[in-house]
PDB file of all heavy atoms in Angstrom:
ATOM      1  N   GLY A   1     -15.466  21.106  -4.663  1.00  0.00           N
ATOM      2  CA  GLY A   1     -15.726  19.840  -3.986  1.00  0.00           C
ATOM      3  C   GLY A   1     -14.797  19.622  -2.803  1.00  0.00           C
ATOM      4  O   GLY A   1     -15.218  19.158  -1.737  1.00  0.00           O
ATOM      5  N   LYS A   2     -13.533  19.982  -2.993  1.00  0.00           N
ATOM      6  CA  LYS A   2     -12.556  19.807  -1.917  1.00  0.00           C
ATOM      7  C   LYS A   2     -12.830  20.753  -0.742  1.00  0.00           C
ATOM      8  O   LYS A   2     -12.668  20.358   0.419  1.00  0.00           O
ATOM      9  CB  LYS A   2     -11.147  20.018  -2.460  1.00  0.00           C
ATOM     10  CG  LYS A   2     -10.724  18.935  -3.442  1.00  0.00           C
ATOM     11  CD  LYS A   2      -9.362  19.206  -4.052  1.00  0.00           C
ATOM     12  CE  LYS A   2      -9.016  18.139  -5.083  1.00  0.00           C
ATOM     13  NZ  LYS A   2      -7.723  18.402  -5.741  1.00  0.00           N
ATOM     14  N   LEU A   3     -13.253  21.977  -1.053  1.00  0.00           N
ATOM     15  CA  LEU A   3     -13.595  22.907   0.021  1.00  0.00           C
ATOM     16  C   LEU A   3     -14.810  22.407   0.804  1.00  0.00           C
ATOM     17  O   LEU A   3     -14.861  22.475   2.033  1.00  0.00           O
ATOM     18  CB  LEU A   3     -13.869  24.300  -0.560  1.00  0.00           C
ATOM     19  CG  LEU A   3     -12.649  25.075  -1.063  1.00  0.00           C
ATOM     20  CD1 LEU A   3     -13.082  26.352  -1.775  1.00  0.00           C
ATOM     21  CD2 LEU A   3     -11.721  25.402   0.106  1.00  0.00           C
ATOM     22  N   GLY A   4     -15.797  21.905   0.066  1.00  0.00           N
ATOM     23  CA  GLY A   4     -16.981  21.365   0.727  1.00  0.00           C
ATOM     24  C   GLY A   4     -16.644  20.163   1.586  1.00  0.00           C
ATOM     25  O   GLY A   4     -17.159  20.006   2.696  1.00  0.00           O
ATOM     26  N   ALA A   5     -15.747  19.321   1.083  1.00  0.00           N
ATOM     27  CA  ALA A   5     -15.343  18.133   1.827  1.00  0.00           C
ATOM     28  C   ALA A   5     -14.626  18.495   3.110  1.00  0.00           C
ATOM     29  O   ALA A   5     -14.801  17.839   4.148  1.00  0.00           O
ATOM     30  CB  ALA A   5     -14.447  17.256   0.963  1.00  0.00           C
ATOM     31  N   SER A   6     -13.815  19.569   3.056  1.00  0.00           N
ATOM     32  CA  SER A   6     -13.085  19.979   4.263  1.00  0.00           C
ATOM     33  C   SER A   6     -14.053  20.426   5.355  1.00  0.00           C
ATOM     34  O   SER A   6     -13.822  20.195   6.545  1.00  0.00           O
ATOM     35  CB  SER A   6     -12.095  21.098   3.939  1.00  0.00           C
ATOM     36  OG  SER A   6     -12.786  22.278   3.553  1.00  0.00           O
ATOM     37  N   MET A   7     -15.169  21.032   4.946  1.00  0.00           N
ATOM     38  CA  MET A   7     -16.168  21.455   5.924  1.00  0.00           C
ATOM     39  C   MET A   7     -16.931  20.261   6.497  1.00  0.00           C
ATOM     40  O   MET A   7     -17.387  20.293   7.645  1.00  0.00           O
ATOM     41  CB  MET A   7     -17.155  22.431   5.264  1.00  0.00           C
ATOM     42  CG  MET A   7     -16.505  23.733   4.793  1.00  0.00           C
ATOM     43  SD  MET A   7     -17.662  24.800   3.921  1.00  0.00           S
ATOM     44  CE  MET A   7     -18.784  25.226   5.228  1.00  0.00           C
ATOM     45  N   LEU A   8     -17.049  19.203   5.691  1.00  0.00           N
ATOM     46  CA  LEU A   8     -17.790  18.010   6.120  1.00  0.00           C
ATOM     47  C   LEU A   8     -16.891  16.937   6.744  1.00  0.00           C
ATOM     48  O   LEU A   8     -17.367  15.854   7.050  1.00  0.00           O
ATOM     49  CB  LEU A   8     -18.539  17.407   4.922  1.00  0.00           C
ATOM     50  CG  LEU A   8     -19.713  18.223   4.386  1.00  0.00           C
ATOM     51  CD1 LEU A   8     -20.231  17.607   3.092  1.00  0.00           C
ATOM     52  CD2 LEU A   8     -20.839  18.287   5.418  1.00  0.00           C
ATOM     53  N   ARG A   9     -15.614  17.258   6.899  1.00  0.00           N
ATOM     54  CA  ARG A   9     -14.679  16.260   7.421  1.00  0.00           C
ATOM     55  C   ARG A   9     -15.129  15.645   8.746  1.00  0.00           C
ATOM     56  O   ARG A   9     -15.059  14.424   8.916  1.00  0.00           O
ATOM     57  CB  ARG A   9     -13.286  16.868   7.573  1.00  0.00           C
ATOM     58  CG  ARG A   9     -12.223  15.856   7.985  1.00  0.00           C
ATOM     59  CD  ARG A   9     -10.838  16.477   7.897  1.00  0.00           C
ATOM     60  NE  ARG A   9     -10.532  16.841   6.522  1.00  0.00           N
ATOM     61  CZ  ARG A   9      -9.507  17.638   6.175  1.00  0.00           C
ATOM     62  NH1 ARG A   9      -8.744  18.169   7.115  1.00  0.00           N
ATOM     63  NH2 ARG A   9      -9.269  17.906   4.904  1.00  0.00           N
ATOM     64  N   PRO A  10     -15.625  16.439   9.712  1.00  0.00           N
ATOM     65  CA  PRO A  10     -16.101  15.819  10.961  1.00  0.00           C
ATOM     66  C   PRO A  10     -17.226  14.813  10.731  1.00  0.00           C
ATOM     67  O   PRO A  10     -17.315  13.801  11.429  1.00  0.00           O
ATOM     68  CB  PRO A  10     -16.583  17.021  11.786  1.00  0.00           C
ATOM     69  CG  PRO A  10     -15.834  18.191  11.240  1.00  0.00           C
ATOM     70  CD  PRO A  10     -15.696  17.908   9.778  1.00  0.00           C
ATOM     71  N   VAL A  11     -18.078  15.095   9.740  1.00  0.00           N
ATOM     72  CA  VAL A  11     -19.179  14.167   9.427  1.00  0.00           C
ATOM     73  C   VAL A  11     -18.618  12.868   8.885  1.00  0.00           C
ATOM     74  O   VAL A  11     -19.040  11.780   9.289  1.00  0.00           O
ATOM     75  CB  VAL A  11     -20.144  14.807   8.394  1.00  0.00           C
ATOM     76  CG1 VAL A  11     -21.216  13.796   7.983  1.00  0.00           C
ATOM     77  CG2 VAL A  11     -20.779  16.059   8.964  1.00  0.00           C
ATOM     78  N   PHE A  12     -17.646  12.960   7.978  1.00  0.00           N
ATOM     79  CA  PHE A  12     -17.045  11.756   7.411  1.00  0.00           C
ATOM     80  C   PHE A  12     -16.364  10.923   8.496  1.00  0.00           C
ATOM     81  O   PHE A  12     -16.412   9.689   8.480  1.00  0.00           O
ATOM     82  CB  PHE A  12     -16.029  12.126   6.324  1.00  0.00           C
ATOM     83  CG  PHE A  12     -16.646  12.754   5.107  1.00  0.00           C
ATOM     84  CD1 PHE A  12     -16.017  13.786   4.442  1.00  0.00           C
ATOM     85  CD2 PHE A  12     -17.874  12.311   4.622  1.00  0.00           C
ATOM     86  CE1 PHE A  12     -16.586  14.364   3.315  1.00  0.00           C
ATOM     87  CE2 PHE A  12     -18.456  12.881   3.502  1.00  0.00           C
ATOM     88  CZ  PHE A  12     -17.803  13.916   2.843  1.00  0.00           C
ATOM     89  N   HIS A  13     -15.731  11.608   9.440  1.00  0.00           N
ATOM     90  CA  HIS A  13     -15.068  10.893  10.530  1.00  0.00           C
ATOM     91  C   HIS A  13     -16.084  10.154  11.397  1.00  0.00           C
ATOM     92  O   HIS A  13     -15.834   9.024  11.828  1.00  0.00           O
ATOM     93  CB  HIS A  13     -14.250  11.869  11.383  1.00  0.00           C
ATOM     94  CG  HIS A  13     -12.991  12.324  10.721  1.00  0.00           C
ATOM     95  ND1 HIS A  13     -12.209  13.352  11.213  1.00  0.00           N
ATOM     96  CD2 HIS A  13     -12.359  11.893   9.598  1.00  0.00           C
ATOM     97  CE1 HIS A  13     -11.164  13.515  10.439  1.00  0.00           C
ATOM     98  NE2 HIS A  13     -11.240  12.656   9.444  1.00  0.00           N
ATOM     99  N   ARG A  14     -17.230  10.788  11.631  1.00  0.00           N
ATOM    100  CA  ARG A  14     -18.274  10.130  12.437  1.00  0.00           C
ATOM    101  C   ARG A  14     -18.841   8.915  11.712  1.00  0.00           C
ATOM    102  O   ARG A  14     -19.124   7.884  12.334  1.00  0.00           O
ATOM    103  CB  ARG A  14     -19.378  11.134  12.783  1.00  0.00           C
ATOM    104  CG  ARG A  14     -18.968  12.150  13.838  1.00  0.00           C
ATOM    105  CD  ARG A  14     -20.183  12.842  14.447  1.00  0.00           C
ATOM    106  NE  ARG A  14     -20.911  13.636  13.472  1.00  0.00           N
ATOM    107  CZ  ARG A  14     -20.631  14.921  13.200  1.00  0.00           C
ATOM    108  NH1 ARG A  14     -19.634  15.539  13.831  1.00  0.00           N
ATOM    109  NH2 ARG A  14     -21.361  15.581  12.314  1.00  0.00           N
ATOM    110  N   VAL A  15     -19.000   9.028  10.400  1.00  0.00           N
ATOM    111  CA  VAL A  15     -19.490   7.892   9.613  1.00  0.00           C
ATOM    112  C   VAL A  15     -18.490   6.751   9.662  1.00  0.00           C
ATOM    113  O   VAL A  15     -18.850   5.588   9.865  1.00  0.00           O
ATOM    114  CB  VAL A  15     -19.746   8.324   8.148  1.00  0.00           C
ATOM    115  CG1 VAL A  15     -20.052   7.097   7.277  1.00  0.00           C
ATOM    116  CG2 VAL A  15     -20.901   9.312   8.081  1.00  0.00           C
ATOM    117  N   ARG A  16     -17.218   7.076   9.474  1.00  0.00           N
ATOM    118  CA  ARG A  16     -16.170   6.052   9.526  1.00  0.00           C
ATOM    119  C   ARG A  16     -16.143   5.372  10.890  1.00  0.00           C
ATOM    120  O   ARG A  16     -16.066   4.145  10.984  1.00  0.00           O
ATOM    121  CB  ARG A  16     -14.804   6.692   9.242  1.00  0.00           C
ATOM    122  CG  ARG A  16     -13.635   5.709   9.266  1.00  0.00           C
ATOM    123  CD  ARG A  16     -12.327   6.456   9.364  1.00  0.00           C
ATOM    124  NE  ARG A  16     -12.258   7.219  10.614  1.00  0.00           N
ATOM    125  CZ  ARG A  16     -11.389   8.193  10.850  1.00  0.00           C
ATOM    126  NH1 ARG A  16     -10.526   8.553   9.917  1.00  0.00           N
ATOM    127  NH2 ARG A  16     -11.391   8.819  12.014  1.00  0.00           N
ATOM    128  N   ASP A  17     -16.221   6.156  11.945  1.00  0.00           N
ATOM    129  CA  ASP A  17     -16.187   5.595  13.300  1.00  0.00           C
ATOM    130  C   ASP A  17     -17.415   4.729  13.577  1.00  0.00           C
ATOM    131  O   ASP A  17     -17.323   3.698  14.249  1.00  0.00           O
ATOM    132  CB  ASP A  17     -16.091   6.721  14.335  1.00  0.00           C
ATOM    133  CG  ASP A  17     -14.753   7.456  14.284  1.00  0.00           C
ATOM    134  OD1 ASP A  17     -13.808   6.916  13.679  1.00  0.00           O
ATOM    135  OD2 ASP A  17     -14.686   8.575  14.821  1.00  0.00           O
ATOM    136  N   ALA A  18     -18.568   5.147  13.050  1.00  0.00           N
ATOM    137  CA  ALA A  18     -19.799   4.375  13.270  1.00  0.00           C
ATOM    138  C   ALA A  18     -19.710   2.999  12.634  1.00  0.00           C
ATOM    139  O   ALA A  18     -20.257   2.019  13.151  1.00  0.00           O
ATOM    140  CB  ALA A  18     -20.998   5.131  12.712  1.00  0.00           C
ATOM    141  N   MET A  19     -19.016   2.883  11.496  1.00  0.00           N
ATOM    142  CA  MET A  19     -18.899   1.612  10.795  1.00  0.00           C
ATOM    143  C   MET A  19     -17.737   0.767  11.277  1.00  0.00           C
ATOM    144  O   MET A  19     -17.566  -0.370  10.834  1.00  0.00           O
ATOM    145  CB  MET A  19     -18.746   1.866   9.292  1.00  0.00           C
ATOM    146  CG  MET A  19     -19.996   2.435   8.637  1.00  0.00           C
ATOM    147  SD  MET A  19     -21.441   1.353   8.836  1.00  0.00           S
ATOM    148  CE  MET A  19     -20.897  -0.106   7.979  1.00  0.00           C
ATOM    149  N   ASP A  20     -16.932   1.292  12.179  1.00  0.00           N
ATOM    150  CA  ASP A  20     -15.754   0.572  12.665  1.00  0.00           C
ATOM    151  C   ASP A  20     -16.145  -0.342  13.814  1.00  0.00           C
ATOM    152  O   ASP A  20     -16.177   0.060  14.967  1.00  0.00           O
ATOM    153  CB  ASP A  20     -14.684   1.570  13.123  1.00  0.00           C
ATOM    154  CG  ASP A  20     -13.427   0.875  13.628  1.00  0.00           C
ATOM    155  OD1 ASP A  20     -13.263  -0.333  13.353  1.00  0.00           O
ATOM    156  OD2 ASP A  20     -12.627   1.537  14.321  1.00  0.00           O
ATOM    157  N   TYR A  21     -16.437  -1.607  13.497  1.00  0.00           N
ATOM    158  CA  TYR A  21     -16.901  -2.518  14.541  1.00  0.00           C
ATOM    159  C   TYR A  21     -15.769  -3.044  15.417  1.00  0.00           C
ATOM    160  O   TYR A  21     -16.029  -3.718  16.421  1.00  0.00           O
ATOM    161  CB  TYR A  21     -17.717  -3.681  13.955  1.00  0.00           C
ATOM    162  CG  TYR A  21     -16.969  -4.632  13.057  1.00  0.00           C
ATOM    163  CD1 TYR A  21     -16.302  -5.732  13.586  1.00  0.00           C
ATOM    164  CD2 TYR A  21     -16.957  -4.458  11.680  1.00  0.00           C
ATOM    165  CE1 TYR A  21     -15.642  -6.621  12.766  1.00  0.00           C
ATOM    166  CE2 TYR A  21     -16.300  -5.348  10.862  1.00  0.00           C
ATOM    167  CZ  TYR A  21     -15.643  -6.433  11.408  1.00  0.00           C
ATOM    168  OH  TYR A  21     -14.979  -7.313  10.601  1.00  0.00           O
ATOM    169  N   SER A  22     -14.497  -2.708  15.099  1.00  0.00           N
ATOM    170  CA  SER A  22     -13.389  -3.132  15.952  1.00  0.00           C
ATOM    171  C   SER A  22     -13.438  -2.434  17.313  1.00  0.00           C
ATOM    172  O   SER A  22     -12.810  -2.893  18.269  1.00  0.00           O
ATOM    173  CB  SER A  22     -12.044  -2.841  15.271  1.00  0.00           C
ATOM    174  OG  SER A  22     -11.828  -1.449  15.136  1.00  0.00           O
ATOM    175  N   GLN A  23     -14.215  -1.329  17.395  1.00  0.00           N
ATOM    176  CA  GLN A  23     -14.347  -0.631  18.675  1.00  0.00           C
ATOM    177  C   GLN A  23     -15.024  -1.507  19.727  1.00  0.00           C
ATOM    178  O   GLN A  23     -14.898  -1.271  20.919  1.00  0.00           O
ATOM    179  CB  GLN A  23     -15.153   0.657  18.494  1.00  0.00           C
ATOM    180  CG  GLN A  23     -16.585   0.421  18.022  1.00  0.00           C
ATOM    181  CD  GLN A  23     -17.350   1.702  17.764  1.00  0.00           C
ATOM    182  OE1 GLN A  23     -17.564   2.488  18.682  1.00  0.00           O
ATOM    183  NE2 GLN A  23     -17.755   1.920  16.521  1.00  0.00           N
ATOM    184  N   TYR A  24     -15.763  -2.531  19.271  1.00  0.00           N
ATOM    185  CA  TYR A  24     -16.465  -3.413  20.201  1.00  0.00           C
ATOM    186  C   TYR A  24     -15.614  -4.594  20.647  1.00  0.00           C
ATOM    187  O   TYR A  24     -16.037  -5.387  21.478  1.00  0.00           O
ATOM    188  CB  TYR A  24     -17.756  -3.928  19.557  1.00  0.00           C
ATOM    189  CG  TYR A  24     -18.682  -2.832  19.110  1.00  0.00           C
ATOM    190  CD1 TYR A  24     -18.898  -2.577  17.762  1.00  0.00           C
ATOM    191  CD2 TYR A  24     -19.332  -2.023  20.041  1.00  0.00           C
ATOM    192  CE1 TYR A  24     -19.737  -1.567  17.343  1.00  0.00           C
ATOM    193  CE2 TYR A  24     -20.175  -1.007  19.633  1.00  0.00           C
ATOM    194  CZ  TYR A  24     -20.372  -0.786  18.283  1.00  0.00           C
ATOM    195  OH  TYR A  24     -21.204   0.233  17.881  1.00  0.00           O
ATOM    196  N   GLY A  25     -14.426  -4.748  20.071  1.00  0.00           N
ATOM    197  CA  GLY A  25     -13.555  -5.860  20.452  1.00  0.00           C
ATOM    198  C   GLY A  25     -13.435  -6.883  19.346  1.00  0.00           C
ATOM    199  O   GLY A  25     -13.604  -6.585  18.162  1.00  0.00           O
ATOM    200  N   GLY A  26     -13.157  -8.131  19.743  1.00  0.00           N
ATOM    201  CA  GLY A  26     -12.916  -9.179  18.765  1.00  0.00           C
ATOM    202  C   GLY A  26     -14.086 -10.135  18.626  1.00  0.00           C
ATOM    203  O   GLY A  26     -15.158  -9.928  19.175  1.00  0.00           O
ATOM    204  N   ALA A  27     -13.836 -11.191  17.864  1.00  0.00           N
ATOM    205  CA  ALA A  27     -14.830 -12.246  17.670  1.00  0.00           C
ATOM    206  C   ALA A  27     -14.619 -13.314  18.738  1.00  0.00           C
ATOM    207  O   ALA A  27     -13.501 -13.783  18.948  1.00  0.00           O
ATOM    208  CB  ALA A  27     -14.691 -12.847  16.276  1.00  0.00           C
ATOM    209  N   VAL A  28     -15.702 -13.700  19.401  1.00  0.00           N
ATOM    210  CA  VAL A  28     -15.633 -14.661  20.500  1.00  0.00           C
ATOM    211  C   VAL A  28     -16.117 -16.023  20.011  1.00  0.00           C
ATOM    212  O   VAL A  28     -17.172 -16.117  19.372  1.00  0.00           O
ATOM    213  CB  VAL A  28     -16.502 -14.211  21.692  1.00  0.00           C
ATOM    214  CG1 VAL A  28     -16.357 -15.179  22.863  1.00  0.00           C
ATOM    215  CG2 VAL A  28     -16.115 -12.799  22.115  1.00  0.00           C
ATOM    216  N   LEU A  29     -15.353 -17.070  20.301  1.00  0.00           N
ATOM    217  CA  LEU A  29     -15.793 -18.424  19.976  1.00  0.00           C
ATOM    218  C   LEU A  29     -16.645 -18.916  21.137  1.00  0.00           C
ATOM    219  O   LEU A  29     -16.142 -19.415  22.139  1.00  0.00           O
ATOM    220  CB  LEU A  29     -14.592 -19.341  19.741  1.00  0.00           C
ATOM    221  CG  LEU A  29     -14.917 -20.742  19.188  1.00  0.00           C
ATOM    222  CD1 LEU A  29     -15.673 -20.646  17.877  1.00  0.00           C
ATOM    223  CD2 LEU A  29     -13.647 -21.563  19.011  1.00  0.00           C
ATOM    224  N   LEU A  30     -17.956 -18.730  21.019  1.00  0.00           N
ATOM    225  CA  LEU A  30     -18.876 -19.108  22.087  1.00  0.00           C
ATOM    226  C   LEU A  30     -19.131 -20.614  22.082  1.00  0.00           C
ATOM    227  O   LEU A  30     -19.218 -21.234  21.030  1.00  0.00           O
ATOM    228  CB  LEU A  30     -20.213 -18.379  21.926  1.00  0.00           C
ATOM    229  CG  LEU A  30     -20.242 -16.887  22.227  1.00  0.00           C
ATOM    230  CD1 LEU A  30     -21.649 -16.351  22.045  1.00  0.00           C
ATOM    231  CD2 LEU A  30     -19.752 -16.597  23.634  1.00  0.00           C
ATOM    232  N   GLY A  31     -19.271 -21.160  23.283  1.00  0.00           N
ATOM    233  CA  GLY A  31     -19.528 -22.587  23.422  1.00  0.00           C
ATOM    234  C   GLY A  31     -18.349 -23.344  23.985  1.00  0.00           C
ATOM    235  O   GLY A  31     -18.398 -24.565  24.121  1.00  0.00           O
ATOM    236  N   LEU A  32     -17.290 -22.621  24.338  1.00  0.00           N
ATOM    237  CA  LEU A  32     -16.109 -23.244  24.943  1.00  0.00           C
ATOM    238  C   LEU A  32     -16.135 -23.054  26.457  1.00  0.00           C
ATOM    239  O   LEU A  32     -16.872 -22.225  26.987  1.00  0.00           O
ATOM    240  CB  LEU A  32     -14.826 -22.646  24.365  1.00  0.00           C
ATOM    241  CG  LEU A  32     -14.631 -22.787  22.857  1.00  0.00           C
ATOM    242  CD1 LEU A  32     -13.282 -22.207  22.448  1.00  0.00           C
ATOM    243  CD2 LEU A  32     -14.729 -24.244  22.414  1.00  0.00           C
ATOM    244  N   LYS A  33     -15.302 -23.823  27.143  1.00  0.00           N
ATOM    245  CA  LYS A  33     -15.285 -23.801  28.603  1.00  0.00           C
ATOM    246  C   LYS A  33     -14.744 -22.487  29.172  1.00  0.00           C
ATOM    247  O   LYS A  33     -14.930 -22.208  30.361  1.00  0.00           O
ATOM    248  CB  LYS A  33     -14.445 -24.975  29.121  1.00  0.00           C
ATOM    249  CG  LYS A  33     -15.040 -26.348  28.786  1.00  0.00           C
ATOM    250  CD  LYS A  33     -14.114 -27.460  29.224  1.00  0.00           C
ATOM    251  CE  LYS A  33     -14.682 -28.826  28.852  1.00  0.00           C
ATOM    252  NZ  LYS A  33     -13.748 -29.929  29.192  1.00  0.00           N
ATOM    253  N   ALA A  34     -14.071 -21.702  28.341  1.00  0.00           N
ATOM    254  CA  ALA A  34     -13.539 -20.400  28.759  1.00  0.00           C
ATOM    255  C   ALA A  34     -13.505 -19.498  27.531  1.00  0.00           C
ATOM    256  O   ALA A  34     -13.496 -19.988  26.394  1.00  0.00           O
ATOM    257  CB  ALA A  34     -12.130 -20.560  29.350  1.00  0.00           C
ATOM    258  N   PRO A  35     -13.479 -18.171  27.720  1.00  0.00           N
ATOM    259  CA  PRO A  35     -13.481 -17.264  26.573  1.00  0.00           C
ATOM    260  C   PRO A  35     -12.244 -17.410  25.683  1.00  0.00           C
ATOM    261  O   PRO A  35     -11.109 -17.417  26.173  1.00  0.00           O
ATOM    262  CB  PRO A  35     -13.504 -15.874  27.224  1.00  0.00           C
ATOM    263  CG  PRO A  35     -14.123 -16.098  28.565  1.00  0.00           C
ATOM    264  CD  PRO A  35     -13.631 -17.447  28.997  1.00  0.00           C
ATOM    265  N   VAL A  36     -12.475 -17.555  24.391  1.00  0.00           N
ATOM    266  CA  VAL A  36     -11.425 -17.542  23.378  1.00  0.00           C
ATOM    267  C   VAL A  36     -11.812 -16.441  22.398  1.00  0.00           C
ATOM    268  O   VAL A  36     -12.879 -16.500  21.778  1.00  0.00           O
ATOM    269  CB  VAL A  36     -11.304 -18.899  22.652  1.00  0.00           C
ATOM    270  CG1 VAL A  36     -10.358 -18.793  21.455  1.00  0.00           C
ATOM    271  CG2 VAL A  36     -10.819 -19.974  23.622  1.00  0.00           C
ATOM    272  N   VAL A  37     -10.949 -15.425  22.257  1.00  0.00           N
ATOM    273  CA  VAL A  37     -11.307 -14.232  21.485  1.00  0.00           C
ATOM    274  C   VAL A  37     -10.251 -13.972  20.421  1.00  0.00           C
ATOM    275  O   VAL A  37      -9.053 -13.951  20.700  1.00  0.00           O
ATOM    276  CB  VAL A  37     -11.439 -13.002  22.403  1.00  0.00           C
ATOM    277  CG1 VAL A  37     -11.896 -11.794  21.594  1.00  0.00           C
ATOM    278  CG2 VAL A  37     -12.442 -13.287  23.526  1.00  0.00           C
ATOM    279  N   LYS A  38     -10.729 -13.771  19.194  1.00  0.00           N
ATOM    280  CA  LYS A  38      -9.848 -13.551  18.036  1.00  0.00           C
ATOM    281  C   LYS A  38     -10.130 -12.182  17.431  1.00  0.00           C
ATOM    282  O   LYS A  38     -11.283 -11.843  17.166  1.00  0.00           O
ATOM    283  CB  LYS A  38     -10.112 -14.653  17.000  1.00  0.00           C
ATOM    284  CG  LYS A  38      -9.556 -14.391  15.595  1.00  0.00           C
ATOM    285  CD  LYS A  38      -8.046 -14.500  15.571  1.00  0.00           C
ATOM    286  CE  LYS A  38      -7.515 -14.377  14.137  1.00  0.00           C
ATOM    287  NZ  LYS A  38      -7.687 -13.047  13.541  1.00  0.00           N
ATOM    288  N   THR A  39      -9.079 -11.376  17.225  1.00  0.00           N
ATOM    289  CA  THR A  39      -9.244 -10.098  16.535  1.00  0.00           C
ATOM    290  C   THR A  39      -8.623 -10.190  15.150  1.00  0.00           C
ATOM    291  O   THR A  39      -7.880 -11.113  14.834  1.00  0.00           O
ATOM    292  CB  THR A  39      -8.590  -8.937  17.302  1.00  0.00           C
ATOM    293  OG1 THR A  39      -7.206  -9.214  17.484  1.00  0.00           O
ATOM    294  CG2 THR A  39      -9.252  -8.718  18.629  1.00  0.00           C
ATOM    295  N   HIS A  40      -8.930  -9.198  14.334  1.00  0.00           N
ATOM    296  CA  HIS A  40      -8.441  -9.147  12.952  1.00  0.00           C
ATOM    297  C   HIS A  40      -6.910  -9.103  12.928  1.00  0.00           C
ATOM    298  O   HIS A  40      -6.282  -8.544  13.826  1.00  0.00           O
ATOM    299  CB  HIS A  40      -9.018  -7.914  12.262  1.00  0.00           C
ATOM    300  CG  HIS A  40      -8.972  -7.988  10.774  1.00  0.00           C
ATOM    301  ND1 HIS A  40      -7.838  -7.721  10.045  1.00  0.00           N
ATOM    302  CD2 HIS A  40      -9.925  -8.322   9.856  1.00  0.00           C
ATOM    303  CE1 HIS A  40      -8.084  -7.875   8.761  1.00  0.00           C
ATOM    304  NE2 HIS A  40      -9.337  -8.233   8.617  1.00  0.00           N
ATOM    305  N   GLY A  41      -6.327  -9.672  11.881  1.00  0.00           N
ATOM    306  CA  GLY A  41      -4.865  -9.688  11.769  1.00  0.00           C
ATOM    307  C   GLY A  41      -4.240  -8.309  11.738  1.00  0.00           C
ATOM    308  O   GLY A  41      -3.090  -8.133  12.137  1.00  0.00           O
ATOM    309  N   SER A  42      -4.987  -7.299  11.265  1.00  0.00           N
ATOM    310  CA  SER A  42      -4.453  -5.933  11.180  1.00  0.00           C
ATOM    311  C   SER A  42      -4.677  -5.132  12.458  1.00  0.00           C
ATOM    312  O   SER A  42      -4.505  -3.914  12.477  1.00  0.00           O
ATOM    313  CB  SER A  42      -5.103  -5.201  10.000  1.00  0.00           C
ATOM    314  OG  SER A  42      -6.513  -5.126  10.169  1.00  0.00           O
ATOM    315  N   THR A  43      -5.038  -5.825  13.528  1.00  0.00           N
ATOM    316  CA  THR A  43      -5.326  -5.163  14.807  1.00  0.00           C
ATOM    317  C   THR A  43      -4.135  -4.349  15.319  1.00  0.00           C
ATOM    318  O   THR A  43      -2.991  -4.788  15.261  1.00  0.00           O
ATOM    319  CB  THR A  43      -5.700  -6.230  15.852  1.00  0.00           C
ATOM    320  OG1 THR A  43      -7.009  -6.714  15.557  1.00  0.00           O
ATOM    321  CG2 THR A  43      -5.697  -5.671  17.260  1.00  0.00           C
ATOM    322  N   LYS A  44      -4.470  -3.157  15.847  1.00  0.00           N
ATOM    323  CA  LYS A  44      -3.456  -2.321  16.492  1.00  0.00           C
ATOM    324  C   LYS A  44      -3.803  -2.133  17.967  1.00  0.00           C
ATOM    325  O   LYS A  44      -4.785  -2.668  18.464  1.00  0.00           O
ATOM    326  CB  LYS A  44      -3.327  -0.989  15.759  1.00  0.00           C
ATOM    327  CG  LYS A  44      -2.718  -1.150  14.366  1.00  0.00           C
ATOM    328  CD  LYS A  44      -2.286   0.182  13.781  1.00  0.00           C
ATOM    329  CE  LYS A  44      -1.563  -0.032  12.461  1.00  0.00           C
ATOM    330  NZ  LYS A  44      -1.081   1.253  11.881  1.00  0.00           N
TER     331      LYS A  44
END
């Protein structure tokens, strides 16, 4: 299983990256006079 996983590692990385919505930025509070944007507390 571990050998098979090592061969599929690039696939797992692509799946992880596809589900990572932080790549699109933060959450925007729409409806204000100017942009106010909040990101997750664990943001790097």
